[in-house]
């Protein structure tokens, strides 16, 4: 499930015992996450808040970039867009992120940034 295209894997019909598997997140102090779904969701909520803040900061720089674009035709630069997306896809394995997630997320970020720039 880490690359695009995704492998063709039929859905499992087996039931899993809950919880299943071993914790995969280990903190610096040696403890592991997570002992409940609520704990997982709380951590995801914290990360989502951080992502929103980072996206807000990124949008500020996107707005700033428009100052250097003489016409609205300069806003959408497909080669730059692809460079940003491909850079994220290429870097994803180094941070243990599935490349398909990096690709889809960055496509959304870049495409929405172009729309935002066109509105400015």
Protein backbone atom coordinates (compact mmCIF):
# COMPACT_ATOMS: atom_id res chain seq x y z
CA UNK A 1 0.00 0.00 0.00
CA UNK A 2 2.99 2.35 -0.19
CA UNK A 3 3.25 3.02 -3.91
CA UNK A 4 1.11 4.11 -6.82
CA UNK A 5 -0.52 2.25 -8.39
CA UNK A 6 -1.72 0.38 -5.36
CA UNK A 7 -1.40 -3.38 -5.56
CA UNK A 8 -4.58 -5.34 -6.23
CA UNK A 9 -5.31 -7.01 -2.91
CA UNK A 10 -8.70 -8.58 -2.30
CA UNK A 11 -10.41 -7.41 0.90
CA UNK A 12 -10.03 -9.72 3.85
CA UNK A 13 -13.13 -11.53 5.06
CA UNK A 14 -11.44 -12.51 8.31
CA UNK A 15 -12.41 -10.84 11.56
CA UNK A 16 -9.57 -9.40 13.61
CA UNK A 17 -9.36 -9.64 17.34
CA UNK A 18 -9.47 -6.23 18.95
CA UNK A 19 -6.89 -4.92 19.56
CA UNK A 20 -4.79 -6.66 16.93
CA UNK A 21 -1.09 -6.28 16.23
CA UNK A 22 1.56 -4.57 18.29
CA UNK A 23 2.01 -0.81 18.85
CA UNK A 24 4.17 0.71 16.11
CA UNK A 25 4.74 4.19 17.53
CA UNK A 26 7.46 4.48 20.13
CA UNK A 27 8.11 7.68 22.05
CA UNK A 28 11.57 8.98 22.97
CA UNK A 29 11.09 7.81 26.58
CA UNK A 30 10.62 4.21 25.40
CA UNK A 31 6.86 3.97 25.90
CA UNK A 32 4.54 3.11 23.06
CA UNK A 33 1.32 4.48 21.67
CA UNK A 34 -1.52 3.68 21.94
CA UNK A 35 -3.66 1.83 24.42
CA UNK A 36 -7.04 2.90 23.02
CA UNK A 37 -8.74 4.26 19.93
CA UNK A 38 -9.50 7.43 21.89
CA UNK A 39 -5.77 7.95 22.47
CA UNK A 40 -5.08 7.50 18.74
CA UNK A 41 -7.83 9.97 17.85
CA UNK A 42 -6.57 12.54 20.36
CA UNK A 43 -3.11 12.37 18.79
CA UNK A 44 -4.61 12.69 15.30
CA UNK A 45 -6.59 15.75 16.44
CA UNK A 46 -3.37 17.35 17.69
CA UNK A 47 -1.59 16.62 14.42
CA UNK A 48 -4.56 17.95 12.42
CA UNK A 49 -4.38 21.25 14.33
CA UNK A 50 -0.65 21.48 13.53
CA UNK A 51 -1.32 20.72 9.86
CA UNK A 52 -3.92 23.50 9.70
CA UNK A 53 -1.43 25.97 11.13
CA UNK A 54 1.23 24.89 8.62
CA UNK A 55 -1.27 25.16 5.75
CA UNK A 56 -2.20 28.65 6.92
CA UNK A 57 1.47 29.65 6.90
CA UNK A 58 1.89 28.09 3.46
CA UNK A 59 -1.13 30.03 2.17
CA UNK A 60 0.50 33.24 3.40
CA UNK A 61 3.56 32.46 1.28
CA UNK A 62 1.35 31.58 -1.69
CA UNK A 63 -0.26 35.00 -1.33
CA UNK A 64 3.21 36.55 -1.14
CA UNK A 65 4.28 34.74 -4.32
CA UNK A 66 1.53 36.49 -6.28
CA UNK A 67 3.39 39.78 -5.79
CA UNK A 68 6.04 38.46 -8.16
CA UNK A 69 3.67 37.24 -10.87
CA UNK A 70 2.90 39.94 -13.41
CA UNK A 71 -0.25 38.40 -14.88
CA UNK A 72 -2.83 35.86 -13.83
CA UNK A 73 -1.42 33.59 -16.56
CA UNK A 74 1.80 33.42 -14.48
CA UNK A 75 -0.10 31.92 -11.54
CA UNK A 76 -0.35 28.36 -12.80
CA UNK A 77 3.11 26.98 -13.57
CA UNK A 78 2.57 23.29 -14.38
CA UNK A 79 6.29 22.45 -14.36
CA UNK A 80 6.73 24.02 -10.91
CA UNK A 81 3.57 22.32 -9.67
CA UNK A 82 4.87 18.93 -10.83
CA UNK A 83 8.28 19.66 -9.29
CA UNK A 84 6.68 20.30 -5.89
CA UNK A 85 4.49 17.19 -6.09
CA UNK A 86 7.31 14.95 -7.30
CA UNK A 87 9.64 16.33 -4.63
CA UNK A 88 7.15 15.29 -1.95
CA UNK A 89 6.68 11.84 -3.49
CA UNK A 90 10.44 11.33 -3.72
CA UNK A 91 11.02 12.48 -0.13
CA UNK A 92 8.17 10.45 1.37
CA UNK A 93 10.11 7.21 1.98
CA UNK A 94 12.77 9.09 3.95
CA UNK A 95 10.13 9.99 6.54
CA UNK A 96 8.32 6.62 6.32
CA UNK A 97 5.32 8.12 4.53
CA UNK A 98 3.56 6.07 1.86
CA UNK A 99 4.25 7.75 -1.48
CA UNK A 100 0.60 7.55 -2.49
CA UNK A 101 -0.33 9.71 0.51
CA UNK A 102 2.35 12.27 -0.35
CA UNK A 103 1.21 12.38 -3.97
CA UNK A 104 -2.50 12.81 -3.29
CA UNK A 105 -2.02 15.31 -0.46
CA UNK A 106 0.44 17.44 -2.42
CA UNK A 107 -1.73 17.37 -5.53
CA UNK A 108 -4.53 18.77 -3.36
CA UNK A 109 -2.28 21.39 -1.78
CA UNK A 110 -0.84 22.55 -5.10
CA UNK A 111 -4.17 22.57 -6.95
CA UNK A 112 -5.92 24.48 -4.18
CA UNK A 113 -3.01 26.92 -3.97
CA UNK A 114 -3.39 27.71 -7.68
CA UNK A 115 -7.11 28.35 -7.14
CA UNK A 116 -6.29 30.57 -4.16
CA UNK A 117 -3.73 32.55 -6.18
CA UNK A 118 -6.24 33.06 -8.98
CA UNK A 119 -8.63 34.66 -6.47
CA UNK A 120 -6.08 37.17 -5.22
